[in-house]
PDB file of all heavy atoms in Angstrom:
ATOM      1  N   THR A   1      17.422  -5.703   6.492  1.00  0.00           N
ATOM      2  CA  THR A   1      16.456  -5.319   7.573  1.00  0.00           C
ATOM      3  C   THR A   1      15.243  -4.707   7.032  1.00  0.00           C
ATOM      4  O   THR A   1      14.474  -4.177   7.888  1.00  0.00           O
ATOM      5  CB  THR A   1      17.191  -4.447   8.607  1.00  0.00           C
ATOM      6  OG1 THR A   1      17.388  -3.174   8.080  1.00  0.00           O
ATOM      7  CG2 THR A   1      18.525  -5.184   9.043  1.00  0.00           C
ATOM      8  N   PHE A   2      15.056  -4.450   5.780  1.00  0.00           N
ATOM      9  CA  PHE A   2      13.931  -3.857   5.176  1.00  0.00           C
ATOM     10  C   PHE A   2      13.689  -2.482   5.718  1.00  0.00           C
ATOM     11  O   PHE A   2      12.569  -1.990   5.763  1.00  0.00           O
ATOM     12  CB  PHE A   2      12.716  -4.683   5.397  1.00  0.00           C
ATOM     13  CG  PHE A   2      12.733  -6.067   4.737  1.00  0.00           C
ATOM     14  CD1 PHE A   2      13.139  -7.262   5.532  1.00  0.00           C
ATOM     15  CD2 PHE A   2      12.436  -6.303   3.379  1.00  0.00           C
ATOM     16  CE1 PHE A   2      13.235  -8.433   4.983  1.00  0.00           C
ATOM     17  CE2 PHE A   2      12.541  -7.542   2.815  1.00  0.00           C
ATOM     18  CZ  PHE A   2      12.932  -8.589   3.557  1.00  0.00           C
ATOM     19  N   GLY A   3      14.754  -1.811   6.129  1.00  0.00           N
ATOM     20  CA  GLY A   3      14.603  -0.421   6.627  1.00  0.00           C
ATOM     21  C   GLY A   3      14.299  -0.270   8.083  1.00  0.00           C
ATOM     22  O   GLY A   3      14.327   0.864   8.633  1.00  0.00           O
ATOM     23  N   TYR A   4      13.938  -1.356   8.785  1.00  0.00           N
ATOM     24  CA  TYR A   4      13.540  -1.342  10.113  1.00  0.00           C
ATOM     25  C   TYR A   4      14.646  -0.813  10.989  1.00  0.00           C
ATOM     26  O   TYR A   4      14.524  -0.185  12.007  1.00  0.00           O
ATOM     27  CB  TYR A   4      13.089  -2.704  10.583  1.00  0.00           C
ATOM     28  CG  TYR A   4      11.661  -2.991  10.099  1.00  0.00           C
ATOM     29  CD1 TYR A   4      11.491  -3.394   8.774  1.00  0.00           C
ATOM     30  CD2 TYR A   4      10.602  -2.827  10.916  1.00  0.00           C
ATOM     31  CE1 TYR A   4      10.164  -3.630   8.232  1.00  0.00           C
ATOM     32  CE2 TYR A   4       9.245  -3.042  10.418  1.00  0.00           C
ATOM     33  CZ  TYR A   4       9.073  -3.449   9.117  1.00  0.00           C
ATOM     34  OH  TYR A   4       7.821  -3.777   8.610  1.00  0.00           O
ATOM     35  N   SER A   5      15.930  -1.208  10.722  1.00  0.00           N
ATOM     36  CA  SER A   5      17.117  -0.784  11.477  1.00  0.00           C
ATOM     37  C   SER A   5      17.362   0.753  11.389  1.00  0.00           C
ATOM     38  O   SER A   5      18.070   1.270  12.197  1.00  0.00           O
ATOM     39  CB  SER A   5      18.354  -1.461  11.052  1.00  0.00           C
ATOM     40  OG  SER A   5      18.642  -1.208   9.697  1.00  0.00           O
ATOM     41  N   LYS A   6      16.706   1.370  10.425  1.00  0.00           N
ATOM     42  CA  LYS A   6      16.833   2.853  10.142  1.00  0.00           C
ATOM     43  C   LYS A   6      15.641   3.606  10.575  1.00  0.00           C
ATOM     44  O   LYS A   6      15.532   4.787  10.488  1.00  0.00           O
ATOM     45  CB  LYS A   6      17.192   3.112   8.738  1.00  0.00           C
ATOM     46  CG  LYS A   6      18.438   2.350   8.172  1.00  0.00           C
ATOM     47  CD  LYS A   6      18.616   2.571   6.714  1.00  0.00           C
ATOM     48  CE  LYS A   6      19.762   1.820   6.181  1.00  0.00           C
ATOM     49  NZ  LYS A   6      19.863   1.830   4.674  1.00  0.00           N
ATOM     50  N   GLY A   7      14.624   2.924  11.087  1.00  0.00           N
ATOM     51  CA  GLY A   7      13.386   3.595  11.350  1.00  0.00           C
ATOM     52  C   GLY A   7      12.542   3.968  10.105  1.00  0.00           C
ATOM     53  O   GLY A   7      11.725   4.824  10.186  1.00  0.00           O
ATOM     54  N   GLN A   8      12.839   3.267   9.015  1.00  0.00           N
ATOM     55  CA  GLN A   8      12.133   3.538   7.740  1.00  0.00           C
ATOM     56  C   GLN A   8      11.593   2.205   7.197  1.00  0.00           C
ATOM     57  O   GLN A   8      12.068   1.523   6.192  1.00  0.00           O
ATOM     58  CB  GLN A   8      13.095   4.098   6.739  1.00  0.00           C
ATOM     59  CG  GLN A   8      13.695   5.464   7.126  1.00  0.00           C
ATOM     60  CD  GLN A   8      14.680   5.966   6.042  1.00  0.00           C
ATOM     61  OE1 GLN A   8      15.383   5.203   5.359  1.00  0.00           O
ATOM     62  NE2 GLN A   8      14.868   7.241   6.080  1.00  0.00           N
ATOM     63  N   PRO A   9      10.520   1.646   7.846  1.00  0.00           N
ATOM     64  CA  PRO A   9      10.085   0.275   7.538  1.00  0.00           C
ATOM     65  C   PRO A   9       9.416   0.065   6.260  1.00  0.00           C
ATOM     66  O   PRO A   9       8.735   1.036   5.725  1.00  0.00           O
ATOM     67  CB  PRO A   9       9.113   0.015   8.725  1.00  0.00           C
ATOM     68  CG  PRO A   9       8.547   1.350   9.079  1.00  0.00           C
ATOM     69  CD  PRO A   9       9.745   2.318   8.912  1.00  0.00           C
ATOM     70  N   CYS A  10       9.651  -1.024   5.677  1.00  0.00           N
ATOM     71  CA  CYS A  10       8.890  -1.506   4.428  1.00  0.00           C
ATOM     72  C   CYS A  10       7.717  -2.305   4.858  1.00  0.00           C
ATOM     73  O   CYS A  10       7.815  -3.125   5.797  1.00  0.00           O
ATOM     74  CB  CYS A  10       9.782  -2.301   3.516  1.00  0.00           C
ATOM     75  SG  CYS A  10      11.113  -1.345   2.682  1.00  0.00           S
ATOM     76  N   ILE A  11       6.586  -2.165   4.238  1.00  0.00           N
ATOM     77  CA  ILE A  11       5.301  -2.940   4.383  1.00  0.00           C
ATOM     78  C   ILE A  11       4.892  -3.318   3.016  1.00  0.00           C
ATOM     79  O   ILE A  11       4.813  -2.575   2.079  1.00  0.00           O
ATOM     80  CB  ILE A  11       4.363  -2.109   5.198  1.00  0.00           C
ATOM     81  CG1 ILE A  11       4.801  -1.892   6.589  1.00  0.00           C
ATOM     82  CG2 ILE A  11       2.978  -2.914   5.285  1.00  0.00           C
ATOM     83  CD1 ILE A  11       3.823  -1.007   7.465  1.00  0.00           C
ATOM     84  N   LEU A  12       4.496  -4.594   2.856  1.00  0.00           N
ATOM     85  CA  LEU A  12       4.051  -5.096   1.663  1.00  0.00           C
ATOM     86  C   LEU A  12       2.539  -5.248   1.562  1.00  0.00           C
ATOM     87  O   LEU A  12       1.899  -5.543   2.568  1.00  0.00           O
ATOM     88  CB  LEU A  12       4.543  -6.468   1.423  1.00  0.00           C
ATOM     89  CG  LEU A  12       6.111  -6.667   1.487  1.00  0.00           C
ATOM     90  CD1 LEU A  12       6.530  -8.074   1.316  1.00  0.00           C
ATOM     91  CD2 LEU A  12       6.772  -5.723   0.453  1.00  0.00           C
ATOM     92  N   LEU A  13       1.955  -4.879   0.541  1.00  0.00           N
ATOM     93  CA  LEU A  13       0.506  -4.955   0.283  1.00  0.00           C
ATOM     94  C   LEU A  13       0.153  -5.944  -0.678  1.00  0.00           C
ATOM     95  O   LEU A  13       0.751  -5.959  -1.827  1.00  0.00           O
ATOM     96  CB  LEU A  13      -0.020  -3.607  -0.113  1.00  0.00           C
ATOM     97  CG  LEU A  13      -1.579  -3.309  -0.161  1.00  0.00           C
ATOM     98  CD1 LEU A  13      -2.130  -3.212   1.268  1.00  0.00           C
ATOM     99  CD2 LEU A  13      -1.917  -2.156  -0.966  1.00  0.00           C
ATOM    100  N   LYS A  14      -0.816  -6.842  -0.442  1.00  0.00           N
ATOM    101  CA  LYS A  14      -1.229  -7.955  -1.254  1.00  0.00           C
ATOM    102  C   LYS A  14      -2.697  -7.888  -1.517  1.00  0.00           C
ATOM    103  O   LYS A  14      -3.452  -7.732  -0.579  1.00  0.00           O
ATOM    104  CB  LYS A  14      -0.785  -9.254  -0.723  1.00  0.00           C
ATOM    105  CG  LYS A  14      -1.108 -10.499  -1.537  1.00  0.00           C
ATOM    106  CD  LYS A  14      -0.471 -11.768  -0.951  1.00  0.00           C
ATOM    107  CE  LYS A  14      -1.314 -12.213   0.203  1.00  0.00           C
ATOM    108  NZ  LYS A  14      -2.615 -12.826  -0.180  1.00  0.00           N
ATOM    109  N   MET A  15      -3.138  -7.928  -2.817  1.00  0.00           N
ATOM    110  CA  MET A  15      -4.495  -7.915  -3.127  1.00  0.00           C
ATOM    111  C   MET A  15      -5.024  -9.431  -3.006  1.00  0.00           C
ATOM    112  O   MET A  15      -4.330 -10.369  -3.451  1.00  0.00           O
ATOM    113  CB  MET A  15      -4.698  -7.493  -4.503  1.00  0.00           C
ATOM    114  CG  MET A  15      -6.074  -7.060  -4.943  1.00  0.00           C
ATOM    115  SD  MET A  15      -6.241  -6.537  -6.644  1.00  0.00           S
ATOM    116  CE  MET A  15      -5.122  -5.224  -6.882  1.00  0.00           C
ATOM    117  N   ASN A  16      -6.197  -9.625  -2.430  1.00  0.00           N
ATOM    118  CA  ASN A  16      -6.748 -10.886  -2.279  1.00  0.00           C
ATOM    119  C   ASN A  16      -7.063 -11.527  -3.617  1.00  0.00           C
ATOM    120  O   ASN A  16      -7.401 -10.800  -4.577  1.00  0.00           O
ATOM    121  CB  ASN A  16      -8.019 -10.913  -1.353  1.00  0.00           C
ATOM    122  CG  ASN A  16      -7.776 -10.551   0.005  1.00  0.00           C
ATOM    123  OD1 ASN A  16      -6.594 -10.620   0.503  1.00  0.00           O
ATOM    124  ND2 ASN A  16      -8.841 -10.236   0.809  1.00  0.00           N
ATOM    125  N   ARG A  17      -6.896 -12.849  -3.673  1.00  0.00           N
ATOM    126  CA  ARG A  17      -7.107 -13.506  -5.006  1.00  0.00           C
ATOM    127  C   ARG A  17      -8.584 -13.750  -5.208  1.00  0.00           C
ATOM    128  O   ARG A  17      -9.329 -14.160  -4.332  1.00  0.00           O
ATOM    129  CB  ARG A  17      -6.440 -14.915  -4.980  1.00  0.00           C
ATOM    130  CG  ARG A  17      -4.883 -14.828  -4.821  1.00  0.00           C
ATOM    131  CD  ARG A  17      -4.241 -16.191  -4.847  1.00  0.00           C
ATOM    132  NE  ARG A  17      -2.833 -16.138  -4.630  1.00  0.00           N
ATOM    133  CZ  ARG A  17      -2.095 -17.252  -4.675  1.00  0.00           C
ATOM    134  NH1 ARG A  17      -2.581 -18.464  -4.753  1.00  0.00           N
ATOM    135  NH2 ARG A  17      -0.686 -17.111  -4.418  1.00  0.00           N
ATOM    136  N   ILE A  18      -8.982 -13.464  -6.454  1.00  0.00           N
ATOM    137  CA  ILE A  18     -10.384 -13.698  -6.843  1.00  0.00           C
ATOM    138  C   ILE A  18     -10.309 -14.425  -8.217  1.00  0.00           C
ATOM    139  O   ILE A  18      -9.840 -13.778  -9.189  1.00  0.00           O
ATOM    140  CB  ILE A  18     -11.197 -12.457  -6.906  1.00  0.00           C
ATOM    141  CG1 ILE A  18     -11.303 -11.724  -5.570  1.00  0.00           C
ATOM    142  CG2 ILE A  18     -12.641 -12.770  -7.349  1.00  0.00           C
ATOM    143  CD1 ILE A  18     -11.938 -10.312  -5.559  1.00  0.00           C
ATOM    144  N   ILE A  19     -10.858 -15.540  -8.362  1.00  0.00           N
ATOM    145  CA  ILE A  19     -10.840 -16.280  -9.631  1.00  0.00           C
ATOM    146  C   ILE A  19     -11.484 -15.537 -10.735  1.00  0.00           C
ATOM    147  O   ILE A  19     -12.615 -15.123 -10.680  1.00  0.00           O
ATOM    148  CB  ILE A  19     -11.457 -17.714  -9.496  1.00  0.00           C
ATOM    149  CG1 ILE A  19     -10.566 -18.497  -8.548  1.00  0.00           C
ATOM    150  CG2 ILE A  19     -11.566 -18.371 -10.846  1.00  0.00           C
ATOM    151  CD1 ILE A  19     -11.209 -19.885  -8.241  1.00  0.00           C
ATOM    152  N   GLY A  20     -10.776 -15.346 -11.865  1.00  0.00           N
ATOM    153  CA  GLY A  20     -11.396 -14.706 -13.008  1.00  0.00           C
ATOM    154  C   GLY A  20     -11.365 -13.128 -13.012  1.00  0.00           C
ATOM    155  O   GLY A  20     -11.698 -12.488 -13.945  1.00  0.00           O
ATOM    156  N   TYR A  21     -11.092 -12.582 -11.818  1.00  0.00           N
ATOM    157  CA  TYR A  21     -11.218 -11.122 -11.706  1.00  0.00           C
ATOM    158  C   TYR A  21     -10.053 -10.390 -12.484  1.00  0.00           C
ATOM    159  O   TYR A  21      -8.870 -10.781 -12.498  1.00  0.00           O
ATOM    160  CB  TYR A  21     -11.108 -10.762 -10.250  1.00  0.00           C
ATOM    161  CG  TYR A  21     -11.312  -9.326  -9.928  1.00  0.00           C
ATOM    162  CD1 TYR A  21     -12.517  -8.672 -10.156  1.00  0.00           C
ATOM    163  CD2 TYR A  21     -10.341  -8.574  -9.320  1.00  0.00           C
ATOM    164  CE1 TYR A  21     -12.668  -7.345  -9.962  1.00  0.00           C
ATOM    165  CE2 TYR A  21     -10.596  -7.204  -9.024  1.00  0.00           C
ATOM    166  CZ  TYR A  21     -11.781  -6.603  -9.345  1.00  0.00           C
ATOM    167  OH  TYR A  21     -11.898  -5.276  -9.158  1.00  0.00           O
ATOM    168  N   ARG A  22     -10.554  -9.337 -13.182  1.00  0.00           N
ATOM    169  CA  ARG A  22      -9.494  -8.487 -13.906  1.00  0.00           C
ATOM    170  C   ARG A  22      -9.639  -7.060 -13.318  1.00  0.00           C
ATOM    171  O   ARG A  22     -10.411  -6.204 -13.727  1.00  0.00           O
ATOM    172  CB  ARG A  22      -9.869  -8.456 -15.413  1.00  0.00           C
ATOM    173  CG  ARG A  22      -9.924  -9.902 -16.077  1.00  0.00           C
ATOM    174  CD  ARG A  22     -10.231  -9.821 -17.459  1.00  0.00           C
ATOM    175  NE  ARG A  22     -10.552 -11.107 -18.013  1.00  0.00           N
ATOM    176  CZ  ARG A  22     -10.869 -11.401 -19.363  1.00  0.00           C
ATOM    177  NH1 ARG A  22     -10.919 -10.413 -20.207  1.00  0.00           N
ATOM    178  NH2 ARG A  22     -11.122 -12.599 -19.689  1.00  0.00           N
ATOM    179  N   PRO A  23      -8.761  -6.809 -12.406  1.00  0.00           N
ATOM    180  CA  PRO A  23      -8.795  -5.512 -11.698  1.00  0.00           C
ATOM    181  C   PRO A  23      -8.552  -4.310 -12.528  1.00  0.00           C
ATOM    182  O   PRO A  23      -7.668  -4.381 -13.520  1.00  0.00           O
ATOM    183  CB  PRO A  23      -7.837  -5.654 -10.546  1.00  0.00           C
ATOM    184  CG  PRO A  23      -6.857  -6.628 -11.008  1.00  0.00           C
ATOM    185  CD  PRO A  23      -7.646  -7.555 -11.861  1.00  0.00           C
ATOM    186  N   GLY A  24      -9.187  -3.242 -12.344  1.00  0.00           N
ATOM    187  CA  GLY A  24      -8.860  -2.021 -13.046  1.00  0.00           C
ATOM    188  C   GLY A  24      -9.496  -1.803 -14.421  1.00  0.00           C
ATOM    189  O   GLY A  24      -9.278  -0.756 -15.039  1.00  0.00           O
ATOM    190  N   ALA A  25     -10.152  -2.849 -14.948  1.00  0.00           N
ATOM    191  CA  ALA A  25     -10.831  -2.714 -16.220  1.00  0.00           C
ATOM    192  C   ALA A  25      -9.782  -2.267 -17.303  1.00  0.00           C
ATOM    193  O   ALA A  25     -10.152  -1.321 -18.099  1.00  0.00           O
ATOM    194  CB  ALA A  25     -12.034  -1.772 -16.200  1.00  0.00           C
ATOM    195  N   GLY A  26      -8.646  -2.848 -17.335  1.00  0.00           N
ATOM    196  CA  GLY A  26      -7.706  -2.512 -18.387  1.00  0.00           C
ATOM    197  C   GLY A  26      -6.654  -1.494 -17.944  1.00  0.00           C
ATOM    198  O   GLY A  26      -5.739  -1.238 -18.686  1.00  0.00           O
ATOM    199  N   VAL A  27      -6.856  -0.875 -16.799  1.00  0.00           N
ATOM    200  CA  VAL A  27      -5.823   0.110 -16.319  1.00  0.00           C
ATOM    201  C   VAL A  27      -5.324  -0.424 -15.015  1.00  0.00           C
ATOM    202  O   VAL A  27      -6.175  -0.720 -14.092  1.00  0.00           O
ATOM    203  CB  VAL A  27      -6.540   1.465 -16.168  1.00  0.00           C
ATOM    204  CG1 VAL A  27      -5.465   2.504 -15.508  1.00  0.00           C
ATOM    205  CG2 VAL A  27      -7.079   1.949 -17.426  1.00  0.00           C
ATOM    206  N   PRO A  28      -3.947  -0.499 -14.785  1.00  0.00           N
ATOM    207  CA  PRO A  28      -3.471  -1.104 -13.493  1.00  0.00           C
ATOM    208  C   PRO A  28      -3.937  -0.368 -12.285  1.00  0.00           C
ATOM    209  O   PRO A  28      -4.118   0.927 -12.208  1.00  0.00           O
ATOM    210  CB  PRO A  28      -1.945  -0.814 -13.631  1.00  0.00           C
ATOM    211  CG  PRO A  28      -1.724  -0.759 -15.161  1.00  0.00           C
ATOM    212  CD  PRO A  28      -2.874  -0.110 -15.768  1.00  0.00           C
ATOM    213  N   VAL A  29      -4.307  -1.067 -11.277  1.00  0.00           N
ATOM    214  CA  VAL A  29      -4.655  -0.605  -9.942  1.00  0.00           C
ATOM    215  C   VAL A  29      -3.511  -0.025  -9.253  1.00  0.00           C
ATOM    216  O   VAL A  29      -2.435  -0.648  -9.255  1.00  0.00           O
ATOM    217  CB  VAL A  29      -5.391  -1.647  -9.133  1.00  0.00           C
ATOM    218  CG1 VAL A  29      -5.691  -1.201  -7.684  1.00  0.00           C
ATOM    219  CG2 VAL A  29      -6.717  -2.069  -9.859  1.00  0.00           C
ATOM    220  N   SER A  30      -3.646   1.095  -8.648  1.00  0.00           N
ATOM    221  CA  SER A  30      -2.479   1.790  -7.895  1.00  0.00           C
ATOM    222  C   SER A  30      -2.770   1.801  -6.360  1.00  0.00           C
ATOM    223  O   SER A  30      -3.870   1.589  -5.964  1.00  0.00           O
ATOM    224  CB  SER A  30      -2.250   3.163  -8.373  1.00  0.00           C
ATOM    225  OG  SER A  30      -3.383   3.970  -8.217  1.00  0.00           O
ATOM    226  N   VAL A  31      -1.772   2.156  -5.673  1.00  0.00           N
ATOM    227  CA  VAL A  31      -1.840   2.257  -4.221  1.00  0.00           C
ATOM    228  C   VAL A  31      -1.425   3.599  -3.769  1.00  0.00           C
ATOM    229  O   VAL A  31      -0.479   4.192  -4.257  1.00  0.00           O
ATOM    230  CB  VAL A  31      -0.968   1.119  -3.604  1.00  0.00           C
ATOM    231  CG1 VAL A  31      -0.963   1.257  -2.000  1.00  0.00           C
ATOM    232  CG2 VAL A  31      -1.418  -0.253  -3.998  1.00  0.00           C
ATOM    233  N   ASP A  32      -2.135   4.140  -2.789  1.00  0.00           N
ATOM    234  CA  ASP A  32      -1.677   5.344  -2.063  1.00  0.00           C
ATOM    235  C   ASP A  32      -1.885   5.235  -0.639  1.00  0.00           C
ATOM    236  O   ASP A  32      -2.746   4.378  -0.170  1.00  0.00           O
ATOM    237  CB  ASP A  32      -2.287   6.599  -2.602  1.00  0.00           C
ATOM    238  CG  ASP A  32      -3.828   6.692  -2.275  1.00  0.00           C
ATOM    239  OD1 ASP A  32      -4.221   6.119  -1.348  1.00  0.00           O
ATOM    240  OD2 ASP A  32      -4.527   7.463  -3.038  1.00  0.00           O
ATOM    241  N   CYS A  33      -1.133   5.984   0.134  1.00  0.00           N
ATOM    242  CA  CYS A  33      -1.153   5.925   1.654  1.00  0.00           C
ATOM    243  C   CYS A  33      -1.276   7.284   2.190  1.00  0.00           C
ATOM    244  O   CYS A  33      -0.691   8.304   1.715  1.00  0.00           O
ATOM    245  CB  CYS A  33       0.074   5.220   2.256  1.00  0.00           C
ATOM    246  SG  CYS A  33       0.247   3.524   1.686  1.00  0.00           S
ATOM    247  N   LYS A  34      -2.059   7.468   3.370  1.00  0.00           N
ATOM    248  CA  LYS A  34      -2.144   8.709   4.001  1.00  0.00           C
ATOM    249  C   LYS A  34      -2.459   8.419   5.457  1.00  0.00           C
ATOM    250  O   LYS A  34      -2.748   7.396   5.834  1.00  0.00           O
ATOM    251  CB  LYS A  34      -3.316   9.580   3.371  1.00  0.00           C
ATOM    252  CG  LYS A  34      -4.655   8.908   3.401  1.00  0.00           C
ATOM    253  CD  LYS A  34      -5.751   9.654   2.784  1.00  0.00           C
ATOM    254  CE  LYS A  34      -7.116   9.006   2.947  1.00  0.00           C
ATOM    255  NZ  LYS A  34      -8.200   9.793   2.269  1.00  0.00           N
ATOM    256  N   VAL A  35      -2.315   9.591   6.265  1.00  0.00           N
ATOM    257  CA  VAL A  35      -2.638   9.515   7.706  1.00  0.00           C
ATOM    258  C   VAL A  35      -4.184   9.299   7.730  1.00  0.00           C
ATOM    259  O   VAL A  35      -4.969  10.093   7.194  1.00  0.00           O
ATOM    260  CB  VAL A  35      -2.266  10.779   8.352  1.00  0.00           C
ATOM    261  CG1 VAL A  35      -2.798  10.709   9.834  1.00  0.00           C
ATOM    262  CG2 VAL A  35      -0.709  10.814   8.400  1.00  0.00           C
ATOM    263  N   GLN A  36      -4.495   8.234   8.472  1.00  0.00           N
ATOM    264  CA  GLN A  36      -6.050   7.938   8.516  1.00  0.00           C
ATOM    265  C   GLN A  36      -6.772   8.923   9.372  1.00  0.00           C
ATOM    266  O   GLN A  36      -7.881   9.228   9.023  1.00  0.00           O
ATOM    267  CB  GLN A  36      -6.166   6.483   9.026  1.00  0.00           C
ATOM    268  CG  GLN A  36      -7.591   5.914   8.842  1.00  0.00           C
ATOM    269  CD  GLN A  36      -8.330   5.905  10.124  1.00  0.00           C
ATOM    270  OE1 GLN A  36      -7.839   6.004  11.305  1.00  0.00           O
ATOM    271  NE2 GLN A  36      -9.662   5.826  10.075  1.00  0.00           N
ATOM    272  N   LYS A  37      -6.106   9.296  10.449  1.00  0.00           N
ATOM    273  CA  LYS A  37      -6.767  10.334  11.364  1.00  0.00           C
ATOM    274  C   LYS A  37      -5.741  11.119  12.002  1.00  0.00           C
ATOM    275  O   LYS A  37      -4.809  10.505  12.655  1.00  0.00           O
ATOM    276  CB  LYS A  37      -7.711   9.635  12.311  1.00  0.00           C
ATOM    277  CG  LYS A  37      -8.448  10.581  13.268  1.00  0.00           C
ATOM    278  CD  LYS A  37      -9.326   9.766  14.223  1.00  0.00           C
ATOM    279  CE  LYS A  37     -10.409   9.063  13.671  1.00  0.00           C
ATOM    280  NZ  LYS A  37     -11.310   8.333  14.653  1.00  0.00           N
ATOM    281  N   GLY A  38      -5.797  12.387  12.020  1.00  0.00           N
ATOM    282  CA  GLY A  38      -4.719  13.223  12.712  1.00  0.00           C
ATOM    283  C   GLY A  38      -4.021  14.116  11.756  1.00  0.00           C
ATOM    284  O   GLY A  38      -4.592  14.394  10.595  1.00  0.00           O
ATOM    285  N   ASN A  39      -2.877  14.543  12.140  1.00  0.00           N
ATOM    286  CA  ASN A  39      -2.074  15.551  11.443  1.00  0.00           C
ATOM    287  C   ASN A  39      -1.361  14.842  10.154  1.00  0.00           C
ATOM    288  O   ASN A  39      -0.622  13.927  10.362  1.00  0.00           O
ATOM    289  CB  ASN A  39      -1.015  16.083  12.301  1.00  0.00           C
ATOM    290  CG  ASN A  39      -0.286  17.318  11.630  1.00  0.00           C
ATOM    291  OD1 ASN A  39      -0.233  17.491  10.448  1.00  0.00           O
ATOM    292  ND2 ASN A  39       0.017  18.214  12.467  1.00  0.00           N
ATOM    293  N   GLU A  40      -1.686  15.365   8.988  1.00  0.00           N
ATOM    294  CA  GLU A  40      -1.211  14.702   7.855  1.00  0.00           C
ATOM    295  C   GLU A  40       0.333  14.805   7.706  1.00  0.00           C
ATOM    296  O   GLU A  40       0.970  13.950   7.099  1.00  0.00           O
ATOM    297  CB  GLU A  40      -1.786  15.342   6.572  1.00  0.00           C
ATOM    298  CG  GLU A  40      -3.230  15.038   6.328  1.00  0.00           C
ATOM    299  CD  GLU A  40      -3.811  15.725   5.054  1.00  0.00           C
ATOM    300  OE1 GLU A  40      -3.068  16.259   4.366  1.00  0.00           O
ATOM    301  OE2 GLU A  40      -5.047  15.673   4.891  1.00  0.00           O
ATOM    302  N   SER A  41       0.943  15.740   8.312  1.00  0.00           N
ATOM    303  CA  SER A  41       2.386  15.835   8.336  1.00  0.00           C
ATOM    304  C   SER A  41       3.096  14.803   9.206  1.00  0.00           C
ATOM    305  O   SER A  41       4.348  14.735   9.157  1.00  0.00           O
ATOM    306  CB  SER A  41       2.781  17.289   8.940  1.00  0.00           C
ATOM    307  OG  SER A  41       2.517  17.265  10.264  1.00  0.00           O
ATOM    308  N   ASN A  42       2.443  13.978   9.865  1.00  0.00           N
ATOM    309  CA  ASN A  42       3.036  12.838  10.584  1.00  0.00           C
ATOM    310  C   ASN A  42       3.549  11.836   9.624  1.00  0.00           C
ATOM    311  O   ASN A  42       4.414  10.978  10.001  1.00  0.00           O
ATOM    312  CB  ASN A  42       2.020  12.221  11.555  1.00  0.00           C
ATOM    313  CG  ASN A  42       1.605  13.063  12.788  1.00  0.00           C
ATOM    314  OD1 ASN A  42       2.367  14.064  13.011  1.00  0.00           O
ATOM    315  ND2 ASN A  42       0.530  12.885  13.353  1.00  0.00           N
ATOM    316  N   LEU A  43       3.044  11.786   8.433  1.00  0.00           N
ATOM    317  CA  LEU A  43       3.549  10.910   7.377  1.00  0.00           C
ATOM    318  C   LEU A  43       4.036  11.821   6.177  1.00  0.00           C
ATOM    319  O   LEU A  43       3.178  12.256   5.445  1.00  0.00           O
ATOM    320  CB  LEU A  43       2.426  10.019   6.823  1.00  0.00           C
ATOM    321  CG  LEU A  43       2.723   9.030   5.640  1.00  0.00           C
ATOM    322  CD1 LEU A  43       3.949   8.176   6.080  1.00  0.00           C
ATOM    323  CD2 LEU A  43       1.574   8.262   5.281  1.00  0.00           C
TER     324      LEU A  43
END
């Protein structure tokens, strides 16, 4: 159930494909998440 049955959902992030692109200039690109607007403690 990917955590949905527990109220802990999984969401997948996919980077759009660009021919020839080498993201990060030799250093892997990372992901972070935060509350976009409002109380940061909600996440």
